Amino acid sequence: MTDGHQEFFDRLDWFDEDHCARLDDQLTWARERCPVVHTGFGGGMHVVTRYEDLVTVAAHPEIFSSAMPGLTSVPVALPPIDVDPPLHHDFRAFLNEPFSRSALRRYAPVVQQLADELIDRFADRGEVEFVSEFAIPFTAGALAKIVLDDDNQQRLARAVDAVTQVSVQNTPESFAAVAALAAELMAEREAAPRADLLQSIVDATVAGGRPLTMEERLGVVTVLLLGGLDTTRGALAYIAEYLAEMPGLEARLREPDWAAHDLDELLRYTSTVSVMGRLVVEDNDLLGVAMAKGDRLAVHWRSGNRDSDRFDNPGQLDFDRNRNPHLAFGIGIHRCVGRHFARMQLDIGITRLLDRLTGFRLAPGTVVQRSVGISVGAPRELHLRFDRVAR
């Protein structure tokens, strides 16, 4: 019944396991019957569920501001995610080049070595808890080596724990822990400059030449930590789960150019960054419903990626799509600055795993434990068995 669906959204808690388990089905109803559906979460917000409406929101930052990018209030600044034009352009200007394909290409051997070292630890065992033994240390290690240039293993472990807590709890305390790590890193660069990405943040200028404030510096590093650790980890875990459950997928992903052909469909289907927030700053009815200044939106990228008006058979993995303009990295000016970094990690991580291991299956007697919040549905505990590749 329609009333039952609306009741679900009235009571929706993005961080409740039962609600998250039912959310995809409820979003299907919303796209068909109530595409901008209201939820009582956090004092009330509109959930934008259709692809074209999400494109409209992204195209009008002057109406739908990114000043509140979280589902709940975020106690720290998160530039460039929470910055609107024209200042947003200045932040992206010093971040785009280090995260370009060409700049990242030289790090491929480092990431390959990291993957191989992690696989060495469990390859002979025939079994692995994939998230804690590979997905987390692989994404965290890549971040440390490429973005943070940090070999402090104790601090790296704190970063992994803090970012995980943001994903699961989304509390002020969890954000504060991430910001504290950012402060440590910035203080080190101030005391001992070196030529790396973090130093470029210290040296960057915006708004006609002013240096970043300390709050802005901490915010940029916090964004890099959140994006670099949580979202790619979720996508890796999803793909590993599908390798265990989908006949024929392993053969596809063994093709040398699999990432060029199949990765976008995996990203569309998994949509690890499922939802983010926006703030209405001007009265409007651009989405077909009246919105007032001060209203909040939840832009649901995952829902848009499963919109049947944009994708045929959106609830299925279909590697034969001619075009795949998915929203897994968002769209518009706020499209994820780290998307090439994420794609590189996913390509290398899966390729190195399949170079040495085969026959993935779920370990008997285990259940896939799933994430809630922004990375809803991604495995947070995944026990797999496998065989060694015959040489």
Protein backbone atom coordinates (compact mmCIF):
# COMPACT_ATOMS: atom_id res chain seq x y z
CA MET A 1 0.00 0.00 0.00
CA THR A 2 1.09 3.53 -0.70
CA ASP A 3 0.57 4.54 2.92
CA GLY A 4 2.98 1.80 3.99
CA HIS A 5 5.65 3.12 1.67
CA GLN A 6 5.23 6.69 2.86
CA GLU A 7 5.28 5.47 6.46
CA PHE A 8 8.63 3.83 5.75
CA PHE A 9 10.10 7.13 4.56
CA ASP A 10 8.49 9.05 7.42
CA ARG A 11 10.40 6.85 9.84
CA LEU A 12 13.53 6.26 7.71
CA ASP A 13 16.81 6.08 9.60
CA TRP A 14 19.76 5.97 7.21
CA PHE A 15 21.85 4.26 9.91
CA ASP A 16 19.39 1.49 10.86
CA GLU A 17 20.27 -1.97 9.49
CA ASP A 18 16.65 -3.05 8.92
CA HIS A 19 15.76 0.18 7.15
CA CYS A 20 18.85 -0.03 4.94
CA ALA A 21 18.04 -3.61 3.98
CA ARG A 22 14.62 -2.47 2.70
CA LEU A 23 15.69 0.80 1.15
CA ASP A 24 16.30 -0.28 -2.46
CA ASP A 25 12.77 -1.68 -2.77
CA GLN A 26 11.27 1.43 -1.20
CA LEU A 27 13.23 3.68 -3.57
CA THR A 28 11.82 1.73 -6.52
CA TRP A 29 8.33 2.64 -5.33
CA ALA A 30 9.36 6.27 -4.85
CA ARG A 31 10.80 6.61 -8.38
CA GLU A 32 7.51 5.36 -9.82
CA ARG A 33 4.98 7.03 -7.52
CA CYS A 34 6.61 9.82 -5.47
CA PRO A 35 10.01 10.71 -6.98
CA VAL A 36 10.72 13.51 -4.51
CA VAL A 37 9.62 11.77 -1.34
CA HIS A 38 9.72 13.38 2.08
CA THR A 39 11.35 11.75 5.08
CA GLY A 40 11.25 12.78 8.70
CA PHE A 41 14.92 11.95 9.24
CA GLY A 42 16.93 14.69 10.91
CA GLY A 43 14.01 17.06 11.18
CA GLY A 44 12.83 16.41 7.63
CA MET A 45 14.27 16.34 4.12
CA HIS A 46 13.25 15.60 0.53
CA VAL A 47 14.77 12.47 -1.04
CA VAL A 48 15.51 12.96 -4.76
CA THR A 49 15.24 9.55 -6.42
CA ARG A 50 15.06 9.97 -10.22
CA TYR A 51 18.07 10.31 -12.51
CA GLU A 52 16.90 13.42 -14.34
CA ASP A 53 15.99 15.19 -11.10
CA LEU A 54 19.46 14.45 -9.73
CA VAL A 55 20.97 15.96 -12.87
CA THR A 56 18.80 19.05 -12.34
CA VAL A 57 19.99 19.44 -8.76
CA ALA A 58 23.63 19.12 -9.82
CA ALA A 59 23.16 21.68 -12.60
CA HIS A 60 21.84 24.36 -10.25
CA PRO A 61 24.26 24.88 -7.35
CA GLU A 62 22.92 28.43 -7.02
CA ILE A 63 19.58 26.92 -5.90
CA PHE A 64 20.64 23.60 -4.38
CA SER A 65 23.71 24.43 -2.33
CA SER A 66 26.34 21.92 -1.20
CA ALA A 67 26.80 23.80 2.07
CA MET A 68 25.26 20.82 3.95
CA PRO A 69 26.61 17.73 2.16
CA GLY A 70 25.84 15.25 4.94
CA LEU A 71 22.64 13.50 5.92
CA THR A 72 23.21 14.89 9.38
CA SER A 73 24.99 18.07 10.39
CA VAL A 74 28.73 17.84 9.81
CA PRO A 75 30.83 19.51 12.54
CA VAL A 76 33.82 20.24 10.29
CA ALA A 77 34.29 22.03 6.98
CA LEU A 78 34.66 19.66 4.02
CA PRO A 79 35.98 21.66 1.05
CA PRO A 80 35.56 21.25 -1.87
CA ILE A 81 32.50 19.07 -1.15
CA ASP A 82 30.67 21.75 0.85
CA VAL A 83 31.77 24.76 -1.22
CA ASP A 84 29.69 26.38 -3.98
CA PRO A 85 30.87 28.44 -6.97
CA PRO A 86 32.88 30.51 -7.47
CA LEU A 87 35.08 29.45 -4.54
CA HIS A 88 34.60 25.78 -5.41
CA HIS A 89 36.58 26.28 -8.63
CA ASP A 90 39.59 27.51 -6.68
CA PHE A 91 39.69 24.41 -4.49
CA ARG A 92 39.37 22.06 -7.43
CA ALA A 93 42.10 23.94 -9.27
CA PHE A 94 44.85 22.69 -6.94
CA LEU A 95 43.33 19.22 -6.44
CA ASN A 96 42.50 18.20 -10.01
CA GLU A 97 46.06 17.80 -11.28
CA PRO A 98 47.37 15.49 -8.52
CA PHE A 99 44.34 13.25 -9.07
CA SER A 100 44.51 13.19 -12.86
CA ARG A 101 45.09 9.92 -14.71
CA SER A 102 48.53 11.01 -15.83
CA ALA A 103 49.67 12.05 -12.34
CA LEU A 104 48.45 8.82 -10.78
CA ARG A 105 49.91 6.52 -13.42
CA ARG A 106 53.41 6.65 -11.94
CA TYR A 107 52.08 5.17 -8.69
CA ALA A 108 50.72 2.00 -10.31
CA PRO A 109 53.79 -0.14 -9.42
CA VAL A 110 53.53 0.98 -5.78
CA VAL A 111 49.86 -0.02 -5.61
CA GLN A 112 50.58 -3.35 -7.34
CA GLN A 113 53.29 -4.15 -4.80
CA LEU A 114 50.92 -3.30 -1.96
CA ALA A 115 48.27 -5.65 -3.33
CA ASP A 116 50.79 -8.48 -3.74
CA GLU A 117 52.11 -8.07 -0.20
CA LEU A 118 48.60 -8.32 1.24
CA ILE A 119 47.72 -11.37 -0.86
CA ASP A 120 50.93 -13.04 0.34
CA ARG A 121 49.51 -13.03 3.87
CA PHE A 122 46.49 -15.22 3.10
CA ALA A 123 47.08 -16.90 -0.28
CA ASP A 124 48.30 -20.19 1.22
CA ARG A 125 45.49 -20.28 3.76
CA GLY A 126 42.67 -20.70 1.25
CA GLU A 127 40.36 -18.42 3.19
CA VAL A 128 40.14 -14.72 3.97
CA GLU A 129 37.91 -12.19 5.68
CA PHE A 130 38.11 -9.97 2.64
CA VAL A 131 37.21 -6.59 4.10
CA SER A 132 39.61 -6.51 7.05
CA GLU A 133 42.43 -8.47 5.41
CA PHE A 134 42.42 -6.95 1.95
CA ALA A 135 39.93 -4.18 1.15
CA ILE A 136 40.72 -1.99 4.18
CA PRO A 137 44.53 -2.35 4.27
CA PHE A 138 44.74 -2.07 0.48
CA THR A 139 42.79 1.19 0.21
CA ALA A 140 44.37 2.60 3.37
CA GLY A 141 47.84 1.66 2.21
CA ALA A 142 47.32 3.22 -1.22
CA LEU A 143 46.07 6.38 0.44
CA ALA A 144 49.06 6.50 2.78
CA LYS A 145 51.59 6.00 0.01
CA ILE A 146 50.07 8.28 -2.61
CA VAL A 147 47.98 10.92 -0.88
CA LEU A 148 49.30 11.21 2.67
CA ASP A 149 52.89 10.14 2.01
CA ASP A 150 52.78 8.67 5.50
CA ASP A 151 54.50 5.51 6.76
CA ASN A 152 53.24 5.85 10.33
CA GLN A 153 51.35 2.56 10.70
CA GLN A 154 49.84 3.47 14.06
CA ARG A 155 48.39 6.68 12.65
CA LEU A 156 47.17 4.87 9.56
CA ALA A 157 45.32 2.40 11.76
CA ARG A 158 43.71 5.33 13.60
CA ALA A 159 42.66 6.81 10.26
CA VAL A 160 41.02 3.57 9.15
CA ASP A 161 39.12 3.29 12.44
CA ALA A 162 38.04 6.93 12.43
CA VAL A 163 36.77 6.87 8.85
CA THR A 164 34.91 3.63 9.49
CA GLN A 165 33.16 5.25 12.45
CA VAL A 166 32.10 8.22 10.30
CA SER A 167 30.56 5.82 7.80
CA VAL A 168 28.74 3.78 10.44
CA GLN A 169 27.84 6.36 13.11
CA ASN A 170 28.08 9.77 11.40
CA THR A 171 28.50 11.46 14.80
CA PRO A 172 30.31 14.72 15.62
CA GLU A 173 32.83 12.69 17.61
CA SER A 174 33.68 10.50 14.60
CA PHE A 175 34.26 13.54 12.38
CA ALA A 176 36.37 15.16 15.10
CA ALA A 177 38.67 12.12 15.19
CA VAL A 178 39.26 12.39 11.44
CA ALA A 179 39.89 16.14 11.71
CA ALA A 180 42.42 15.53 14.50
CA LEU A 181 44.42 13.29 12.18
CA ALA A 182 44.31 15.98 9.51
CA ALA A 183 45.63 18.49 12.02
CA GLU A 184 48.61 16.26 12.82
CA LEU A 185 49.51 15.93 9.17
CA MET A 186 49.21 19.65 8.47
CA ALA A 187 51.36 20.50 11.49
CA GLU A 188 54.10 18.18 10.23
CA ARG A 189 54.13 19.88 6.81
CA GLU A 190 54.26 23.32 8.42
CA ALA A 191 57.26 22.26 10.50
CA ALA A 192 59.07 20.36 7.73
CA PRO A 193 57.91 21.23 4.19
CA ARG A 194 58.28 18.62 1.47
CA ALA A 195 57.13 18.27 -2.14
CA ASP A 196 53.90 16.29 -1.93
CA LEU A 197 50.12 16.65 -2.10
CA LEU A 198 49.72 17.73 1.52
CA GLN A 199 52.33 20.43 1.04
CA SER A 200 50.35 21.70 -1.95
CA ILE A 201 47.37 22.13 0.39
CA VAL A 202 49.52 24.13 2.82
CA ASP A 203 50.78 26.30 -0.03
CA ALA A 204 47.49 26.68 -1.94
CA THR A 205 45.66 29.98 -2.36
CA VAL A 206 41.99 30.68 -3.16
CA ALA A 207 39.69 33.68 -3.63
CA GLY A 208 42.16 35.84 -5.45
CA GLY A 209 45.28 34.81 -3.58
CA ARG A 210 44.57 34.28 0.10
CA PRO A 211 46.00 31.17 1.80
CA LEU A 212 43.60 28.51 3.01
CA THR A 213 42.46 28.94 6.58
CA MET A 214 43.46 26.21 9.01
CA GLU A 215 39.84 25.01 9.02
CA GLU A 216 39.89 24.75 5.22
CA ARG A 217 43.19 22.87 5.21
CA LEU A 218 41.89 20.38 7.76
CA GLY A 219 38.69 20.03 5.77
CA VAL A 220 40.45 19.18 2.52
CA VAL A 221 42.55 16.49 4.22
CA THR A 222 39.45 15.14 5.95
CA VAL A 223 37.70 14.83 2.57
CA LEU A 224 40.70 12.94 1.16
CA LEU A 225 40.65 10.56 4.12
CA LEU A 226 36.92 9.92 3.93
CA GLY A 227 36.83 9.45 0.18
CA GLY A 228 40.06 7.51 -0.07
CA LEU A 229 39.35 4.94 2.62
CA ASP A 230 35.63 4.28 2.77
CA THR A 231 34.14 4.35 -0.71
CA THR A 232 36.77 2.37 -2.64
CA ARG A 233 36.82 -0.22 0.12
CA GLY A 234 33.08 -0.73 -0.32
CA ALA A 235 33.36 -1.15 -4.09
CA LEU A 236 36.16 -3.71 -3.71
CA ALA A 237 34.10 -5.71 -1.23
CA TYR A 238 31.07 -5.68 -3.51
CA ILE A 239 33.10 -6.99 -6.46
CA ALA A 240 34.64 -9.72 -4.33
CA GLU A 241 31.17 -10.79 -3.21
CA TYR A 242 29.97 -10.94 -6.82
CA LEU A 243 33.01 -13.00 -7.79
CA ALA A 244 31.85 -15.56 -5.23
CA GLU A 245 28.20 -15.51 -6.29
CA MET A 246 28.01 -14.82 -10.03
CA PRO A 247 29.02 -17.57 -12.46
CA GLY A 248 31.07 -16.21 -15.33
CA LEU A 249 32.13 -12.97 -13.66
CA GLU A 250 35.61 -14.21 -12.82
CA ALA A 251 36.25 -15.02 -16.49
CA ARG A 252 35.12 -11.51 -17.50
CA LEU A 253 37.36 -9.82 -14.97
CA ARG A 254 40.34 -11.85 -16.11
CA GLU A 255 40.29 -10.06 -19.46
CA PRO A 256 43.24 -7.61 -19.66
CA ASP A 257 41.01 -4.60 -20.35
CA TRP A 258 38.15 -5.54 -18.02
CA ALA A 259 38.21 -2.19 -16.24
CA ALA A 260 37.65 -0.31 -19.50
CA HIS A 261 34.59 -2.41 -20.36
CA ASP A 262 33.02 -3.68 -17.15
CA LEU A 263 34.04 -1.46 -14.25
CA ASP A 264 31.49 1.26 -15.00
CA GLU A 265 28.62 -1.22 -14.81
CA LEU A 266 29.92 -2.53 -11.48
CA LEU A 267 30.18 1.05 -10.21
CA ARG A 268 26.66 1.88 -11.40
CA TYR A 269 25.18 -1.18 -9.76
CA THR A 270 27.01 -0.88 -6.44
CA SER A 271 26.97 2.94 -6.10
CA THR A 272 29.06 2.89 -2.94
CA VAL A 273 28.52 6.60 -2.25
CA SER A 274 24.76 6.14 -2.28
CA VAL A 275 23.46 9.46 -0.95
CA MET A 276 24.56 12.98 -0.03
CA GLY A 277 22.92 16.16 1.19
CA ARG A 278 22.01 19.52 -0.36
CA LEU A 279 20.46 22.71 1.03
CA VAL A 280 17.76 24.70 -0.77
CA VAL A 281 18.79 28.37 -0.85
CA GLU A 282 16.01 29.73 -3.06
CA ASP A 283 12.28 28.96 -3.25
CA ASN A 284 11.62 26.84 -6.34
CA ASP A 285 9.58 24.06 -7.95
CA LEU A 286 12.26 22.76 -10.34
CA LEU A 287 11.67 19.16 -9.23
CA GLY A 288 7.89 19.30 -9.50
CA VAL A 289 7.23 20.00 -5.83
CA ALA A 290 7.33 23.26 -3.95
CA MET A 291 10.55 23.76 -2.02
CA ALA A 292 11.35 26.61 0.30
CA LYS A 293 14.63 28.24 1.22
CA GLY A 294 16.11 26.25 4.09
CA ASP A 295 14.70 22.88 3.02
CA ARG A 296 17.16 19.97 2.90
CA LEU A 297 17.60 17.38 0.17
CA ALA A 298 19.04 13.89 0.11
CA VAL A 299 20.37 13.35 -3.42
CA HIS A 300 20.24 9.60 -3.86
CA TRP A 301 22.84 8.67 -6.47
CA ARG A 302 22.22 4.95 -6.02
CA SER A 303 18.53 5.42 -6.73
CA GLY A 304 19.31 7.40 -9.89
CA ASN A 305 21.60 4.59 -11.03
CA ARG A 306 18.63 2.21 -10.83
CA ASP A 307 16.15 4.44 -12.65
CA SER A 308 14.42 2.44 -15.40
CA ASP A 309 13.80 5.67 -17.35
CA ARG A 310 17.57 5.98 -17.78
CA PHE A 311 18.85 2.37 -17.69
CA ASP A 312 17.29 -0.77 -19.13
CA ASN A 313 16.96 -3.53 -16.53
CA PRO A 314 18.59 -1.30 -13.89
CA GLY A 315 18.29 -3.92 -11.14
CA GLN A 316 20.65 -6.28 -12.97
CA LEU A 317 24.33 -6.22 -13.81
CA ASP A 318 24.38 -5.85 -17.60
CA PHE A 319 27.84 -5.61 -19.12
CA ASP A 320 26.47 -5.07 -22.63
CA ARG A 321 25.18 -1.54 -22.09
CA ASN A 322 26.17 0.72 -24.98
CA ARG A 323 26.35 3.81 -22.77
CA ASN A 324 26.67 4.01 -19.02
CA PRO A 325 26.39 7.60 -17.74
CA HIS A 326 26.20 6.43 -14.12
CA LEU A 327 26.18 8.65 -11.07
CA ALA A 328 28.50 6.57 -8.88
CA PHE A 329 30.92 9.50 -8.68
CA GLY A 330 28.17 12.12 -8.70
CA ILE A 331 27.74 14.56 -11.58
CA GLY A 332 28.35 18.20 -12.32
CA ILE A 333 30.90 20.45 -10.65
CA HIS A 334 31.06 18.22 -7.56
CA ARG A 335 31.87 15.03 -9.44
CA CYS A 336 34.34 13.13 -7.28
CA VAL A 337 37.87 14.51 -7.55
CA GLY A 338 39.27 11.08 -6.63
CA ARG A 339 37.43 9.05 -9.25
CA HIS A 340 40.58 8.19 -11.23
CA PHE A 341 42.34 7.16 -8.01
CA ALA A 342 39.41 4.90 -7.12
CA ARG A 343 39.33 3.32 -10.58
CA MET A 344 43.08 2.66 -10.48
CA GLN A 345 42.81 0.92 -7.11
CA LEU A 346 39.87 -1.21 -8.21
CA ASP A 347 41.58 -2.21 -11.46
CA ILE A 348 44.85 -3.13 -9.77
CA GLY A 349 43.30 -4.75 -6.70
CA ILE A 350 41.02 -7.11 -8.62
CA THR A 351 43.60 -7.86 -11.32
CA ARG A 352 46.28 -8.83 -8.78
CA LEU A 353 43.82 -11.00 -6.84
CA LEU A 354 42.79 -12.90 -9.97
CA ASP A 355 46.40 -13.28 -11.06
CA ARG A 356 46.96 -15.57 -8.10
CA LEU A 357 43.59 -16.76 -6.83
CA THR A 358 40.52 -18.40 -8.34
CA GLY A 359 37.27 -20.16 -7.46
CA PHE A 360 36.01 -17.63 -4.94
CA ARG A 361 33.03 -18.77 -2.84
CA LEU A 362 31.41 -17.75 0.41
CA ALA A 363 32.83 -19.62 3.40
CA PRO A 364 30.26 -22.13 4.71
CA GLY A 365 28.39 -21.05 7.81
CA THR A 366 29.11 -17.36 7.31
CA VAL A 367 26.76 -14.46 6.52
CA VAL A 368 27.68 -11.29 4.65
CA GLN A 369 27.45 -8.38 7.10
CA ARG A 370 26.47 -5.11 5.41
CA SER A 371 27.19 -1.43 5.95
CA VAL A 372 24.65 1.27 6.71
CA GLY A 373 24.69 5.02 6.09
CA ILE A 374 26.33 6.56 3.03
CA SER A 375 27.83 3.24 1.90
CA VAL A 376 24.60 1.34 2.44
CA GLY A 377 24.70 -2.32 1.46
CA ALA A 378 28.43 -2.71 0.93
CA PRO A 379 29.87 -5.78 2.68
CA ARG A 380 31.58 -4.90 5.95
CA GLU A 381 32.40 -8.54 6.72
CA LEU A 382 32.89 -11.06 3.92
CA HIS A 383 34.40 -14.50 4.52
CA LEU A 384 35.62 -16.12 1.32
CA ARG A 385 37.32 -19.35 0.33
CA PHE A 386 39.38 -19.70 -2.83
CA ASP A 387 41.93 -21.83 -4.69
CA ARG A 388 45.39 -20.95 -5.94
CA VAL A 389 45.83 -20.33 -9.66
CA ALA A 390 47.72 -23.26 -11.19
CA ARG A 391 51.07 -22.22 -12.64
